[in-house]
Amino acid sequence: MPDIQPSIPNSLSTNTLQVMQLVARMKEAADRQGIEFVGGFISPEGEKFIMSNMSDEQTQAMLPEDLK
């Protein structure tokens, strides 16, 4: 099976990539501790970035309406 790399657009700012990495590290820390996690941010351009280690159904139930 080929190694599939995620597609990262060239148009993301360094700041956005750094914040995405921070959220990913928080999720990894939650995974190591065996706790549930949902986290993310909204960029200045209004784009949402969310990571979770829960099912989509659980994640959607926890999100406020304006983030769904």
Protein backbone atom coordinates (compact mmCIF):
# COMPACT_ATOMS: atom_id res chain seq x y z
CA MET A 1 0.00 0.00 0.00
CA PRO A 2 1.50 3.40 -0.96
CA ASP A 3 2.36 5.94 1.71
CA ILE A 4 -0.32 8.64 1.45
CA GLN A 5 0.73 12.12 2.54
CA PRO A 6 -1.84 14.75 3.48
CA SER A 7 -2.38 17.53 0.98
CA ILE A 8 -1.35 20.86 2.48
CA PRO A 9 -2.22 23.90 0.36
CA ASN A 10 0.63 26.31 -0.37
CA SER A 11 -1.62 29.25 0.44
CA LEU A 12 -1.70 28.63 4.21
CA SER A 13 0.21 31.18 6.23
CA THR A 14 2.99 30.15 8.55
CA ASN A 15 0.87 31.30 11.49
CA THR A 16 -2.07 29.11 10.41
CA LEU A 17 0.22 26.09 10.04
CA GLN A 18 1.68 26.72 13.50
CA VAL A 19 -1.78 26.86 15.07
CA MET A 20 -2.79 23.67 13.22
CA GLN A 21 0.32 21.98 14.64
CA LEU A 22 -0.57 23.17 18.15
CA VAL A 23 -4.07 21.68 17.89
CA ALA A 24 -2.56 18.42 16.58
CA ARG A 25 -0.13 18.29 19.53
CA MET A 26 -3.01 18.86 21.98
CA LYS A 27 -4.94 15.98 20.37
CA GLU A 28 -1.86 13.74 20.58
CA ALA A 29 -1.46 14.59 24.28
CA ALA A 30 -5.12 13.71 24.89
CA ASP A 31 -4.65 10.44 22.99
CA ARG A 32 -1.65 9.53 25.18
CA GLN A 33 -3.72 10.17 28.31
CA GLY A 34 -6.74 8.31 26.95
CA ILE A 35 -9.05 11.31 27.26
CA GLU A 36 -11.55 12.73 24.80
CA PHE A 37 -10.55 15.78 22.83
CA VAL A 38 -12.13 18.24 20.47
CA GLY A 39 -10.28 21.42 19.62
CA GLY A 40 -9.64 23.85 16.83
CA PHE A 41 -9.77 27.44 15.72
CA ILE A 42 -11.33 29.83 13.24
CA SER A 43 -8.82 31.62 11.02
CA PRO A 44 -9.01 35.37 10.41
CA GLU A 45 -10.44 34.45 6.99
CA GLY A 46 -13.28 32.56 8.68
CA GLU A 47 -12.10 29.03 7.88
CA LYS A 48 -12.68 26.45 10.62
CA PHE A 49 -10.11 23.83 11.64
CA ILE A 50 -11.24 21.13 14.07
CA MET A 51 -9.53 17.96 15.30
CA SER A 52 -11.09 15.33 17.54
CA ASN A 53 -10.44 11.81 18.75
CA MET A 54 -14.15 11.13 19.18
CA SER A 55 -16.74 9.94 16.69
CA ASP A 56 -18.20 12.54 14.34
CA GLU A 57 -21.53 12.21 16.14
CA GLN A 58 -19.97 12.92 19.55
CA THR A 59 -17.93 15.80 18.18
CA GLN A 60 -20.96 17.43 16.54
CA ALA A 61 -22.95 17.09 19.78
CA MET A 62 -20.26 19.01 21.69
CA LEU A 63 -19.79 21.84 19.19
CA PRO A 64 -21.71 25.09 19.54
CA GLU A 65 -24.17 25.74 16.72
CA ASP A 66 -21.99 28.41 15.09
CA LEU A 67 -19.14 25.89 14.66
CA LYS A 68 -21.16 23.10 13.05
